[in-house]
Amino acid sequence: MKRFFHKLHILPAFGILLLFFLTSCEQQVYEPNLNVAPGGGTISTYTAYTLASSDGTNVYGRVVFYKYSSSVTLVQIGLYNTDSGMAYSSSIYQGKLTESLSTVLKPLDAISGATGEFSSNKYYVINEAGFYDNLSSYNANVKIMAGTTLVASGNIGINATPVAHS
């Protein structure tokens, strides 16, 4: 009987001791580190071109090329007046717009009609050494298509003067 009596006192004492250890531990609350690594998050070299609406549409915007590194160029497109239920294709084509060449140099990502931006990512990445550095000498244009209908376009490279450049 005495043995049973001791077990009865040990279990509540053990429970109280365990509760003391679990509740007495303070958790350290850390503030988020919002600092950016040196040079991180800043892209200061870019070139922007206008994308004008084609006949019968009111879709227009801009294409911006950012120099991320010597071998990576980021492309961003922003369009206005897109149809929220549509997806638009975008590509870089050879030649001036007036030449109507259909040779695709770089297919870009699809553009969401709901946002007027690339559907999958904010930027399309061109992994080609020297692409940005040679941008001003390219004989090219950018076209935005809704199916087979041209909705917006703009010359780039030697065919146009950038609207913004840094």
C-alpha atoms as a PDB file:
ATOM      1  CA  MET A   1       0.000   0.000   0.000  1.00  0.00           C
ATOM      2  CA  LYS A   2       2.800   2.390   0.782  1.00  0.00           C
ATOM      3  CA  ARG A   3       4.319   1.842  -2.655  1.00  0.00           C
ATOM      4  CA  PHE A   4       1.062   2.795  -4.401  1.00  0.00           C
ATOM      5  CA  PHE A   5       0.776   5.876  -2.268  1.00  0.00           C
ATOM      6  CA  HIS A   6       4.203   7.152  -3.408  1.00  0.00           C
ATOM      7  CA  LYS A   7       3.397   6.720  -7.087  1.00  0.00           C
ATOM      8  CA  LEU A   8       0.297   8.763  -6.585  1.00  0.00           C
ATOM      9  CA  HIS A   9       2.336  11.707  -5.249  1.00  0.00           C
ATOM     10  CA  ILE A  10       5.060  11.462  -7.906  1.00  0.00           C
ATOM     11  CA  LEU A  11       2.743  11.773 -10.925  1.00  0.00           C
ATOM     12  CA  PRO A  12       1.163  15.109  -9.912  1.00  0.00           C
ATOM     13  CA  ALA A  13       4.560  16.482  -8.870  1.00  0.00           C
ATOM     14  CA  PHE A  14       6.049  15.436 -12.203  1.00  0.00           C
ATOM     15  CA  GLY A  15       3.137  17.086 -14.057  1.00  0.00           C
ATOM     16  CA  ILE A  16       3.568  20.363 -12.160  1.00  0.00           C
ATOM     17  CA  LEU A  17       7.316  20.301 -12.795  1.00  0.00           C
ATOM     18  CA  LEU A  18       6.763  19.663 -16.518  1.00  0.00           C
ATOM     19  CA  LEU A  19       4.195  22.475 -16.696  1.00  0.00           C
ATOM     20  CA  PHE A  20       6.686  24.824 -14.993  1.00  0.00           C
ATOM     21  CA  PHE A  21       9.397  24.073 -17.574  1.00  0.00           C
ATOM     22  CA  LEU A  22       7.059  24.422 -20.532  1.00  0.00           C
ATOM     23  CA  THR A  23       5.588  27.743 -19.462  1.00  0.00           C
ATOM     24  CA  SER A  24       8.694  29.344 -18.049  1.00  0.00           C
ATOM     25  CA  CYS A  25      10.607  29.319 -21.327  1.00  0.00           C
ATOM     26  CA  GLU A  26      10.364  32.665 -23.038  1.00  0.00           C
ATOM     27  CA  GLN A  27      10.525  32.691 -26.782  1.00  0.00           C
ATOM     28  CA  GLN A  28      12.665  35.373 -28.325  1.00  0.00           C
ATOM     29  CA  VAL A  29      10.755  37.514 -30.822  1.00  0.00           C
ATOM     30  CA  TYR A  30      13.050  38.577 -33.643  1.00  0.00           C
ATOM     31  CA  GLU A  31      12.306  41.519 -35.914  1.00  0.00           C
ATOM     32  CA  PRO A  32      12.519  40.789 -39.654  1.00  0.00           C
ATOM     33  CA  ASN A  33      15.775  41.724 -41.337  1.00  0.00           C
ATOM     34  CA  LEU A  34      14.755  44.104 -44.102  1.00  0.00           C
ATOM     35  CA  ASN A  35      18.265  45.014 -45.207  1.00  0.00           C
ATOM     36  CA  VAL A  36      19.338  44.095 -48.711  1.00  0.00           C
ATOM     37  CA  ALA A  37      22.748  42.705 -49.521  1.00  0.00           C
ATOM     38  CA  PRO A  38      25.062  45.295 -51.118  1.00  0.00           C
ATOM     39  CA  GLY A  39      23.959  45.754 -54.717  1.00  0.00           C
ATOM     40  CA  GLY A  40      20.987  43.437 -54.239  1.00  0.00           C
ATOM     41  CA  GLY A  41      17.542  44.448 -55.369  1.00  0.00           C
ATOM     42  CA  THR A  42      18.765  47.357 -57.463  1.00  0.00           C
ATOM     43  CA  ILE A  43      18.922  47.362 -61.237  1.00  0.00           C
ATOM     44  CA  SER A  44      19.967  50.762 -62.449  1.00  0.00           C
ATOM     45  CA  THR A  45      20.755  50.095 -66.119  1.00  0.00           C
ATOM     46  CA  TYR A  46      17.719  49.894 -68.388  1.00  0.00           C
ATOM     47  CA  THR A  47      16.328  50.918 -71.764  1.00  0.00           C
ATOM     48  CA  ALA A  48      12.597  51.390 -72.428  1.00  0.00           C
ATOM     49  CA  TYR A  49      10.678  51.546 -75.704  1.00  0.00           C
ATOM     50  CA  THR A  50       7.069  52.448 -76.494  1.00  0.00           C
ATOM     51  CA  LEU A  51       4.558  49.851 -77.642  1.00  0.00           C
ATOM     52  CA  ALA A  52       1.872  51.650 -79.658  1.00  0.00           C
ATOM     53  CA  SER A  53      -1.606  50.298 -80.338  1.00  0.00           C
ATOM     54  CA  SER A  54      -2.271  48.919 -83.777  1.00  0.00           C
ATOM     55  CA  ASP A  55      -5.213  49.939 -85.944  1.00  0.00           C
ATOM     56  CA  GLY A  56      -8.534  49.341 -84.242  1.00  0.00           C
ATOM     57  CA  THR A  57      -7.163  48.538 -80.781  1.00  0.00           C
ATOM     58  CA  ASN A  58      -6.487  50.709 -77.794  1.00  0.00           C
ATOM     59  CA  VAL A  59      -3.796  48.456 -76.274  1.00  0.00           C
ATOM     60  CA  TYR A  60      -0.509  50.256 -75.695  1.00  0.00           C
ATOM     61  CA  GLY A  61       2.388  50.215 -73.238  1.00  0.00           C
ATOM     62  CA  ARG A  62       6.099  49.808 -72.822  1.00  0.00           C
ATOM     63  CA  VAL A  63       8.807  47.199 -73.064  1.00  0.00           C
ATOM     64  CA  VAL A  64      11.788  47.648 -70.750  1.00  0.00           C
ATOM     65  CA  PHE A  65      15.125  45.843 -70.998  1.00  0.00           C
ATOM     66  CA  TYR A  66      17.193  45.709 -67.793  1.00  0.00           C
ATOM     67  CA  LYS A  67      20.859  44.796 -67.608  1.00  0.00           C
ATOM     68  CA  TYR A  68      21.060  42.342 -64.715  1.00  0.00           C
ATOM     69  CA  SER A  69      24.589  41.158 -65.521  1.00  0.00           C
ATOM     70  CA  SER A  70      26.821  40.808 -68.573  1.00  0.00           C
ATOM     71  CA  SER A  71      25.063  37.565 -69.482  1.00  0.00           C
ATOM     72  CA  VAL A  72      21.498  38.167 -68.210  1.00  0.00           C
ATOM     73  CA  THR A  73      18.962  40.659 -69.561  1.00  0.00           C
ATOM     74  CA  LEU A  74      15.544  41.022 -67.951  1.00  0.00           C
ATOM     75  CA  VAL A  75      12.561  42.028 -70.087  1.00  0.00           C
ATOM     76  CA  GLN A  76       9.395  43.557 -68.638  1.00  0.00           C
ATOM     77  CA  ILE A  77       6.251  44.470 -70.542  1.00  0.00           C
ATOM     78  CA  GLY A  78       3.437  46.641 -69.243  1.00  0.00           C
ATOM     79  CA  LEU A  79       0.267  47.072 -71.299  1.00  0.00           C
ATOM     80  CA  TYR A  80      -2.845  49.193 -70.829  1.00  0.00           C
ATOM     81  CA  ASN A  81      -6.421  48.445 -71.940  1.00  0.00           C
ATOM     82  CA  THR A  82      -5.982  44.697 -72.243  1.00  0.00           C
ATOM     83  CA  ASP A  83      -9.016  42.425 -72.114  1.00  0.00           C
ATOM     84  CA  SER A  84      -9.048  40.587 -68.761  1.00  0.00           C
ATOM     85  CA  GLY A  85     -10.222  37.351 -70.372  1.00  0.00           C
ATOM     86  CA  MET A  86      -7.447  37.268 -72.993  1.00  0.00           C
ATOM     87  CA  ALA A  87      -3.905  35.983 -73.116  1.00  0.00           C
ATOM     88  CA  TYR A  88      -1.523  37.788 -75.436  1.00  0.00           C
ATOM     89  CA  SER A  89       1.631  36.416 -77.014  1.00  0.00           C
ATOM     90  CA  SER A  90       4.751  38.546 -77.240  1.00  0.00           C
ATOM     91  CA  SER A  91       7.940  38.182 -79.235  1.00  0.00           C
ATOM     92  CA  ILE A  92      10.922  40.100 -80.546  1.00  0.00           C
ATOM     93  CA  TYR A  93      10.910  40.070 -84.347  1.00  0.00           C
ATOM     94  CA  GLN A  94      13.585  40.823 -86.911  1.00  0.00           C
ATOM     95  CA  GLY A  95      13.557  44.158 -88.742  1.00  0.00           C
ATOM     96  CA  LYS A  96      11.466  47.314 -88.604  1.00  0.00           C
ATOM     97  CA  LEU A  97       7.712  47.183 -88.120  1.00  0.00           C
ATOM     98  CA  THR A  98       7.196  48.652 -91.591  1.00  0.00           C
ATOM     99  CA  GLU A  99       9.095  45.744 -93.159  1.00  0.00           C
ATOM    100  CA  SER A 100       6.509  43.237 -91.831  1.00  0.00           C
ATOM    101  CA  LEU A 101       9.078  40.488 -91.376  1.00  0.00           C
ATOM    102  CA  SER A 102       7.749  37.475 -89.501  1.00  0.00           C
ATOM    103  CA  THR A 103      11.058  36.031 -88.289  1.00  0.00           C
ATOM    104  CA  VAL A 104      10.888  35.609 -84.507  1.00  0.00           C
ATOM    105  CA  LEU A 105      14.231  36.332 -82.855  1.00  0.00           C
ATOM    106  CA  LYS A 106      13.115  35.797 -79.238  1.00  0.00           C
ATOM    107  CA  PRO A 107       9.723  34.451 -78.200  1.00  0.00           C
ATOM    108  CA  LEU A 108       8.767  36.067 -74.897  1.00  0.00           C
ATOM    109  CA  ASP A 109       6.240  34.908 -72.292  1.00  0.00           C
ATOM    110  CA  ALA A 110       2.470  35.209 -72.593  1.00  0.00           C
ATOM    111  CA  ILE A 111       0.890  38.365 -71.224  1.00  0.00           C
ATOM    112  CA  SER A 112      -2.146  38.185 -68.964  1.00  0.00           C
ATOM    113  CA  GLY A 113      -5.043  40.360 -70.065  1.00  0.00           C
ATOM    114  CA  ALA A 114      -6.048  40.778 -66.421  1.00  0.00           C
ATOM    115  CA  THR A 115      -2.771  42.485 -65.471  1.00  0.00           C
ATOM    116  CA  GLY A 116      -1.179  43.599 -68.746  1.00  0.00           C
ATOM    117  CA  GLU A 117       2.062  41.948 -67.586  1.00  0.00           C
ATOM    118  CA  PHE A 118       3.756  38.607 -68.144  1.00  0.00           C
ATOM    119  CA  SER A 119       1.555  35.792 -66.867  1.00  0.00           C
ATOM    120  CA  SER A 120       4.140  33.637 -65.111  1.00  0.00           C
ATOM    121  CA  ASN A 121       6.838  36.042 -63.897  1.00  0.00           C
ATOM    122  CA  LYS A 122       7.432  39.755 -63.628  1.00  0.00           C
ATOM    123  CA  TYR A 123      10.434  39.480 -65.963  1.00  0.00           C
ATOM    124  CA  TYR A 124      11.324  37.361 -68.940  1.00  0.00           C
ATOM    125  CA  VAL A 125      14.977  36.310 -68.641  1.00  0.00           C
ATOM    126  CA  ILE A 126      17.285  36.334 -71.653  1.00  0.00           C
ATOM    127  CA  ASN A 127      20.390  34.318 -70.804  1.00  0.00           C
ATOM    128  CA  GLU A 128      22.627  35.526 -73.589  1.00  0.00           C
ATOM    129  CA  ALA A 129      25.977  37.168 -73.028  1.00  0.00           C
ATOM    130  CA  GLY A 130      26.047  40.713 -74.376  1.00  0.00           C
ATOM    131  CA  PHE A 131      22.346  40.911 -75.288  1.00  0.00           C
ATOM    132  CA  TYR A 132      21.749  44.133 -73.361  1.00  0.00           C
ATOM    133  CA  ASP A 133      25.090  45.652 -74.395  1.00  0.00           C
ATOM    134  CA  ASN A 134      24.196  45.127 -78.078  1.00  0.00           C
ATOM    135  CA  LEU A 135      20.531  46.158 -77.762  1.00  0.00           C
ATOM    136  CA  SER A 136      21.053  49.562 -79.400  1.00  0.00           C
ATOM    137  CA  SER A 137      22.420  47.906 -82.552  1.00  0.00           C
ATOM    138  CA  TYR A 138      19.626  45.349 -83.045  1.00  0.00           C
ATOM    139  CA  ASN A 139      17.403  45.678 -86.107  1.00  0.00           C
ATOM    140  CA  ALA A 140      14.257  44.471 -84.347  1.00  0.00           C
ATOM    141  CA  ASN A 141      10.762  45.158 -83.055  1.00  0.00           C
ATOM    142  CA  VAL A 142       8.399  43.797 -80.398  1.00  0.00           C
ATOM    143  CA  LYS A 143       4.894  42.620 -81.269  1.00  0.00           C
ATOM    144  CA  ILE A 144       1.985  41.796 -78.984  1.00  0.00           C
ATOM    145  CA  MET A 145      -0.585  39.474 -80.521  1.00  0.00           C
ATOM    146  CA  ALA A 146      -4.091  38.380 -79.552  1.00  0.00           C
ATOM    147  CA  GLY A 147      -4.239  35.142 -81.494  1.00  0.00           C
ATOM    148  CA  THR A 148      -3.267  36.175 -85.023  1.00  0.00           C
ATOM    149  CA  THR A 149      -4.248  39.835 -84.546  1.00  0.00           C
ATOM    150  CA  LEU A 150      -1.563  42.413 -83.862  1.00  0.00           C
ATOM    151  CA  VAL A 151      -2.702  44.600 -80.937  1.00  0.00           C
ATOM    152  CA  ALA A 152       0.464  46.544 -80.032  1.00  0.00           C
ATOM    153  CA  SER A 153       4.000  46.866 -81.324  1.00  0.00           C
ATOM    154  CA  GLY A 154       7.129  48.954 -81.211  1.00  0.00           C
ATOM    155  CA  ASN A 155      10.526  49.191 -82.811  1.00  0.00           C
ATOM    156  CA  ILE A 156      13.625  48.618 -80.687  1.00  0.00           C
ATOM    157  CA  GLY A 157      17.367  48.914 -81.150  1.00  0.00           C
ATOM    158  CA  ILE A 158      18.537  50.931 -84.185  1.00  0.00           C
ATOM    159  CA  ASN A 159      14.924  51.324 -85.314  1.00  0.00           C
ATOM    160  CA  ALA A 160      13.767  53.502 -82.379  1.00  0.00           C
ATOM    161  CA  THR A 161      14.869  56.060 -79.855  1.00  0.00           C
ATOM    162  CA  PRO A 162      14.357  54.816 -76.277  1.00  0.00           C
ATOM    163  CA  VAL A 163      11.735  56.700 -74.251  1.00  0.00           C
ATOM    164  CA  ALA A 164      13.756  56.128 -71.080  1.00  0.00           C
ATOM    165  CA  HIS A 165      17.353  55.098 -70.581  1.00  0.00           C
ATOM    166  CA  SER A 166      19.656  54.818 -67.615  1.00  0.00           C
END
